[in-house]
Amino acid sequence: MRPIDLSIPLGIGTPAWPTYEPLQMKYFKRLAPNGANGQILTHSNHVGTHLDGEIHFHTPGKDIASLDLDYLMHEGVVVDLSDAAGDYDVYTSRMVEERVEVREGDILVIHTGYHHFGWDQPAADEIRYMVKHPGPDREFAEWCRAKKLRWLGVDCGSADHPMNTIIRNWMPRQAKEADTHFRKKHGKPLDDFFDDSKYQLMHLELFNHGIVHAECLGGDIDLLLNRRAVIGAFPWRLVDGESCICRILAFVDDGLHAELTKKKAKAKLTRFGDVAGALNEWLHEEARARSASRR
């Protein structure tokens, strides 16, 4: 088995989730005169690729250190929904199951395509990445519980729809755009579609059932669209940690890894050496072809 990185680069330019502390890094000692370079980092747990833990929203839940390795690493699937959901859209469990097989107890990684707008990408657009990405309704959370998923991952700012978070209040111009979109597409205003009873449902209605999620995935995710793999999240063993920055990897057999390595050699890359998703539409076309037989 060989790894494929599903994590985004982490640096001082990586945006944290709005209002959370970003990464700050400074030297406190240098080779001259101290004999070694040393750095101090300060940051919140919600910057870059990170795993939200149960106690982020569920006080009696597990901390990050309490998550077993066989929970964090297991079989799973990466589904591509970029052809089904765009700005402010709502994605559904049906969209997922039309494209991939999701087994009970799986890890599910959702590729919305919005990591293409991440800070590390040629098409970077921070507002679109954090504020306009699609997200689910309550039906999806209920489906996650019925499937007994281990955890989920998303390639955007939040596993919740951004307009079902406090962002709705912080970004009034975009909230107005979203309201127009919801009235046209769903026949009701945004405030009625996502009323107070649904607030951050992917956090509040899943963490108390032991189903957490990782946010801001990316890396070479475009190589694995609509494919199964062994997926692992590797946070620190952080006692009392409500969440944690982590590395997320997908593991595939040697033959498939060699095939994917050849595809990456043909692909246009970011300045960090990852596949630049927006510049490689052929990878998405291949993914759609893989899922076509399920529809």
Protein backbone atom coordinates (compact mmCIF):
# COMPACT_ATOMS: atom_id res chain seq x y z
CA MET A 1 0.00 0.00 0.00
CA ARG A 2 1.25 3.47 -0.91
CA PRO A 3 0.00 6.90 0.29
CA ILE A 4 -1.69 9.76 -1.54
CA ASP A 5 -1.70 13.06 0.39
CA LEU A 6 -5.13 14.63 0.91
CA SER A 7 -3.84 17.53 3.04
CA ILE A 8 -3.33 21.13 2.01
CA PRO A 9 -0.05 22.98 2.62
CA LEU A 10 0.09 24.76 5.96
CA GLY A 11 1.81 28.13 6.34
CA ILE A 12 1.21 31.64 7.58
CA GLY A 13 -0.86 32.29 4.45
CA THR A 14 -3.28 29.45 5.16
CA PRO A 15 -6.64 30.96 6.16
CA ALA A 16 -8.14 29.76 9.41
CA TRP A 17 -11.91 29.36 9.69
CA PRO A 18 -13.28 32.91 10.12
CA THR A 19 -12.44 34.48 13.53
CA TYR A 20 -10.18 31.56 14.54
CA GLU A 21 -6.53 32.25 15.29
CA PRO A 22 -4.37 31.79 12.16
CA LEU A 23 -0.92 30.19 12.14
CA GLN A 24 1.84 32.50 13.32
CA MET A 25 5.47 31.40 13.22
CA LYS A 26 8.67 33.09 14.35
CA TYR A 27 12.26 32.22 15.15
CA PHE A 28 13.26 32.47 18.80
CA LYS A 29 16.82 31.26 18.21
CA ARG A 30 19.19 31.09 15.23
CA LEU A 31 22.24 29.11 14.24
CA ALA A 32 24.36 32.15 14.99
CA PRO A 33 24.83 32.61 17.90
CA ASN A 34 22.63 29.86 19.40
CA GLY A 35 23.96 26.87 17.46
CA ALA A 36 20.52 25.81 16.19
CA ASN A 37 17.44 27.24 14.56
CA GLY A 38 14.27 27.13 16.66
CA GLN A 39 10.76 28.37 16.03
CA ILE A 40 7.61 29.10 18.02
CA LEU A 41 4.18 28.48 16.49
CA THR A 42 0.84 29.80 17.70
CA HIS A 43 -2.46 28.83 16.08
CA SER A 44 -5.97 27.59 16.67
CA ASN A 45 -6.99 24.03 15.87
CA HIS A 46 -9.08 25.18 12.89
CA VAL A 47 -6.48 26.16 10.32
CA GLY A 48 -5.44 24.07 7.34
CA THR A 49 -6.49 20.45 7.09
CA HIS A 50 -7.88 19.62 10.53
CA LEU A 51 -10.11 17.17 12.35
CA ASP A 52 -13.02 18.52 14.39
CA GLY A 53 -13.31 16.46 17.55
CA GLU A 54 -16.46 15.58 19.47
CA ILE A 55 -15.89 18.14 22.24
CA HIS A 56 -15.72 20.95 19.68
CA PHE A 57 -19.54 20.94 19.94
CA HIS A 58 -20.40 18.12 22.38
CA THR A 59 -19.14 18.74 25.92
CA PRO A 60 -19.28 15.11 27.21
CA GLY A 61 -17.68 13.77 24.03
CA LYS A 62 -14.21 12.36 23.38
CA ASP A 63 -11.12 14.52 23.08
CA ILE A 64 -8.77 14.05 20.14
CA ALA A 65 -6.43 11.78 22.13
CA SER A 66 -9.32 9.38 22.79
CA LEU A 67 -10.00 8.63 19.11
CA ASP A 68 -8.76 5.11 18.40
CA LEU A 69 -6.45 4.50 15.46
CA ASP A 70 -8.86 1.97 13.93
CA TYR A 71 -11.47 4.73 14.01
CA LEU A 72 -9.15 7.26 12.39
CA MET A 73 -7.92 4.84 9.71
CA HIS A 74 -10.27 2.54 7.81
CA GLU A 75 -11.69 1.74 4.41
CA GLY A 76 -13.54 4.56 2.75
CA VAL A 77 -14.40 6.33 -0.46
CA VAL A 78 -13.79 9.69 -2.11
CA VAL A 79 -16.87 11.00 -3.94
CA ASP A 80 -16.83 13.79 -6.50
CA LEU A 81 -19.85 16.10 -6.26
CA SER A 82 -18.31 18.95 -8.25
CA ASP A 83 -20.62 18.21 -11.20
CA ALA A 84 -23.73 18.25 -8.98
CA ALA A 85 -23.36 21.19 -6.59
CA GLY A 86 -22.09 24.74 -7.08
CA ASP A 87 -22.23 28.06 -5.23
CA TYR A 88 -24.66 27.90 -2.27
CA ASP A 89 -26.11 24.57 -3.47
CA VAL A 90 -27.33 21.77 -1.21
CA TYR A 91 -25.92 18.30 -1.80
CA THR A 92 -27.74 15.10 -0.83
CA SER A 93 -27.07 11.49 0.06
CA ARG A 94 -28.64 10.50 -3.24
CA MET A 95 -26.00 12.45 -5.12
CA VAL A 96 -23.33 10.52 -3.23
CA GLU A 97 -24.85 7.08 -3.80
CA GLU A 98 -25.41 7.79 -7.48
CA ARG A 99 -21.63 8.09 -7.83
CA VAL A 100 -20.00 5.66 -5.39
CA GLU A 101 -20.75 2.72 -3.13
CA VAL A 102 -20.82 3.79 0.51
CA ARG A 103 -20.58 0.86 2.91
CA GLU A 104 -21.65 0.78 6.53
CA GLY A 105 -18.84 2.02 8.73
CA ASP A 106 -16.97 3.75 5.90
CA ILE A 107 -14.97 6.95 6.01
CA LEU A 108 -16.49 9.30 3.44
CA VAL A 109 -14.52 12.11 1.80
CA ILE A 110 -16.55 14.62 -0.19
CA HIS A 111 -14.91 16.45 -3.08
CA THR A 112 -17.06 19.50 -3.74
CA GLY A 113 -14.37 20.96 -5.98
CA TYR A 114 -14.07 24.01 -3.76
CA HIS A 115 -10.52 23.17 -2.74
CA HIS A 116 -9.78 24.50 -6.25
CA PHE A 117 -10.36 27.94 -4.67
CA GLY A 118 -8.06 27.26 -1.70
CA TRP A 119 -5.16 29.58 -0.92
CA ASP A 120 -2.64 27.14 -2.40
CA GLN A 121 -4.34 26.83 -5.80
CA PRO A 122 -3.93 28.85 -9.03
CA ALA A 123 -7.67 29.70 -8.92
CA ALA A 124 -7.54 30.86 -5.27
CA ASP A 125 -10.65 32.71 -4.07
CA GLU A 126 -10.89 32.80 -0.27
CA ILE A 127 -14.46 34.10 -0.13
CA ARG A 128 -15.73 31.43 -2.50
CA TYR A 129 -13.78 28.75 -0.59
CA MET A 130 -15.10 29.71 2.85
CA VAL A 131 -18.45 31.38 2.14
CA LYS A 132 -20.01 30.01 -1.07
CA HIS A 133 -19.30 26.28 -1.03
CA PRO A 134 -22.20 23.81 -1.09
CA GLY A 135 -23.34 21.89 1.97
CA PRO A 136 -25.98 19.45 3.19
CA ASP A 137 -29.40 19.58 4.83
CA ARG A 138 -30.68 17.45 7.74
CA GLU A 139 -31.47 14.54 5.38
CA PHE A 140 -27.74 14.09 4.86
CA ALA A 141 -26.92 13.99 8.57
CA GLU A 142 -29.64 11.39 9.11
CA TRP A 143 -28.17 9.30 6.28
CA CYS A 144 -24.69 9.52 7.85
CA ARG A 145 -26.08 8.12 11.09
CA ALA A 146 -27.96 5.35 9.27
CA LYS A 147 -24.76 4.38 7.43
CA LYS A 148 -22.84 4.43 10.74
CA LEU A 149 -20.02 6.35 9.07
CA ARG A 150 -16.81 6.66 11.04
CA TRP A 151 -16.03 10.21 10.01
CA LEU A 152 -16.36 12.50 7.02
CA GLY A 153 -14.00 14.81 5.21
CA VAL A 154 -14.70 17.81 3.00
CA ASP A 155 -12.46 19.82 0.68
CA CYS A 156 -13.84 23.21 1.74
CA GLY A 157 -14.17 25.42 4.81
CA SER A 158 -16.90 23.51 6.64
CA ALA A 159 -18.88 20.29 6.56
CA ASP A 160 -21.94 22.46 7.16
CA HIS A 161 -23.42 24.71 4.52
CA PRO A 162 -21.74 28.10 5.11
CA MET A 163 -25.14 29.78 5.28
CA ASN A 164 -26.07 27.39 8.08
CA THR A 165 -23.26 28.83 10.21
CA ILE A 166 -22.56 32.21 11.79
CA ILE A 167 -21.03 33.23 8.43
CA ARG A 168 -24.58 34.12 7.37
CA ASN A 169 -24.46 37.05 9.82
CA TRP A 170 -20.85 38.01 9.11
CA MET A 171 -21.18 38.19 5.32
CA PRO A 172 -24.46 40.00 4.59
CA ARG A 173 -23.80 40.58 0.89
CA GLN A 174 -23.18 36.89 0.29
CA ALA A 175 -26.16 35.99 2.50
CA LYS A 176 -28.31 38.14 0.23
CA GLU A 177 -26.97 36.29 -2.81
CA ALA A 178 -27.68 32.98 -1.12
CA ASP A 179 -31.22 34.05 -0.21
CA THR A 180 -31.93 34.85 -3.86
CA HIS A 181 -30.47 31.47 -4.84
CA PHE A 182 -32.60 29.56 -2.30
CA ARG A 183 -35.79 31.36 -3.29
CA LYS A 184 -35.19 30.50 -6.94
CA LYS A 185 -34.04 26.91 -6.45
CA HIS A 186 -36.00 25.78 -3.39
CA GLY A 187 -38.99 28.13 -3.40
CA LYS A 188 -38.31 29.49 0.08
CA PRO A 189 -36.03 32.07 1.70
CA LEU A 190 -32.73 31.09 3.22
CA ASP A 191 -33.98 31.75 6.75
CA ASP A 192 -36.82 29.28 6.25
CA PHE A 193 -34.69 26.58 4.59
CA PHE A 194 -31.99 26.74 7.29
CA ASP A 195 -34.01 27.82 10.31
CA ASP A 196 -32.65 27.87 13.85
CA SER A 197 -33.58 24.21 14.41
CA LYS A 198 -30.99 23.18 11.80
CA TYR A 199 -28.12 25.38 12.94
CA GLN A 200 -24.76 23.69 12.21
CA LEU A 201 -26.49 20.33 12.06
CA MET A 202 -23.43 18.50 10.74
CA HIS A 203 -21.73 19.38 14.00
CA LEU A 204 -24.60 19.36 16.48
CA GLU A 205 -26.46 16.31 15.17
CA LEU A 206 -23.47 14.03 14.44
CA PHE A 207 -20.75 14.68 17.02
CA ASN A 208 -23.02 13.38 19.78
CA HIS A 209 -23.27 10.14 17.74
CA GLY A 210 -19.50 9.76 17.43
CA ILE A 211 -19.38 10.91 13.79
CA VAL A 212 -16.90 13.76 13.45
CA HIS A 213 -15.43 15.34 10.35
CA ALA A 214 -12.29 16.76 8.82
CA GLU A 215 -12.31 20.03 6.92
CA CYS A 216 -10.07 21.73 4.34
CA LEU A 217 -8.84 18.58 2.59
CA GLY A 218 -7.04 18.91 -0.73
CA GLY A 219 -3.56 17.88 -1.80
CA ASP A 220 -3.83 15.29 -4.57
CA ILE A 221 -7.50 14.51 -3.94
CA ASP A 222 -8.30 14.97 -7.65
CA LEU A 223 -6.40 11.73 -8.36
CA LEU A 224 -8.83 9.70 -6.25
CA LEU A 225 -12.24 10.94 -7.29
CA ASN A 226 -14.97 8.28 -7.12
CA ARG A 227 -12.52 5.66 -5.87
CA ARG A 228 -12.25 3.54 -2.76
CA ALA A 229 -9.12 3.53 -0.60
CA VAL A 230 -7.95 3.06 2.96
CA ILE A 231 -8.16 6.56 4.45
CA GLY A 232 -6.40 7.79 7.56
CA ALA A 233 -6.45 10.99 9.59
CA PHE A 234 -3.39 11.55 11.79
CA PRO A 235 -3.85 14.31 14.38
CA TRP A 236 -1.65 14.77 17.41
CA ARG A 237 -2.45 12.60 20.43
CA LEU A 238 -3.87 15.78 21.94
CA VAL A 239 -5.26 15.30 25.44
CA ASP A 240 -8.22 17.66 26.00
CA GLY A 241 -8.00 18.69 22.37
CA GLU A 242 -11.35 19.82 20.94
CA SER A 243 -9.93 19.54 17.41
CA CYS A 244 -6.50 19.27 15.81
CA ILE A 245 -4.50 20.08 12.72
CA CYS A 246 -3.78 16.78 11.01
CA ARG A 247 -2.34 15.01 7.99
CA ILE A 248 -4.85 12.98 5.98
CA LEU A 249 -3.67 10.24 3.65
CA ALA A 250 -5.34 7.73 1.36
CA PHE A 251 -3.60 4.38 0.90
CA VAL A 252 -3.94 2.43 -2.37
CA ASP A 253 -2.30 -0.73 -3.65
CA ASP A 254 1.05 -0.49 -5.43
CA GLY A 255 -0.41 -1.01 -8.89
CA LEU A 256 -2.98 1.78 -8.56
CA HIS A 257 -0.39 4.05 -6.97
CA ALA A 258 1.88 3.58 -10.00
CA GLU A 259 -1.06 4.42 -12.30
CA LEU A 260 -1.94 7.54 -10.31
CA THR A 261 1.71 8.63 -10.26
CA LYS A 262 1.73 8.53 -14.07
CA LYS A 263 -1.45 10.63 -14.13
CA LYS A 264 0.13 13.18 -11.80
CA ALA A 265 3.17 13.38 -14.07
CA LYS A 266 0.81 14.51 -16.89
CA ALA A 267 -1.13 16.96 -14.73
CA LYS A 268 -0.62 20.65 -14.15
CA LEU A 269 0.53 21.24 -10.59
CA THR A 270 0.33 23.95 -7.95
CA ARG A 271 3.43 25.79 -6.74
CA PHE A 272 3.48 23.29 -3.87
CA GLY A 273 3.57 20.27 -6.19
CA ASP A 274 -0.03 19.12 -5.77
CA VAL A 275 -2.46 18.48 -8.62
CA ALA A 276 -4.09 21.80 -9.58
CA GLY A 277 -7.67 20.59 -9.76
CA ALA A 278 -9.12 23.47 -11.76
CA LEU A 279 -6.48 23.04 -14.46
CA ASN A 280 -7.02 19.29 -14.95
CA GLU A 281 -10.61 18.82 -16.06
CA TRP A 282 -9.66 15.49 -17.63
CA LEU A 283 -9.32 14.00 -14.13
CA HIS A 284 -12.90 14.99 -13.37
CA GLU A 285 -14.10 13.55 -16.68
CA GLU A 286 -12.46 10.23 -15.80
CA ALA A 287 -14.16 10.30 -12.39
CA ARG A 288 -17.56 10.94 -13.97
CA ALA A 289 -16.99 8.03 -16.34
CA ARG A 290 -16.23 5.75 -13.36
CA SER A 291 -19.49 6.70 -11.68
CA ALA A 292 -21.69 6.62 -14.80
CA SER A 293 -22.49 2.93 -14.43
CA ARG A 294 -24.22 3.60 -11.08
CA ARG A 295 -26.83 5.96 -12.59
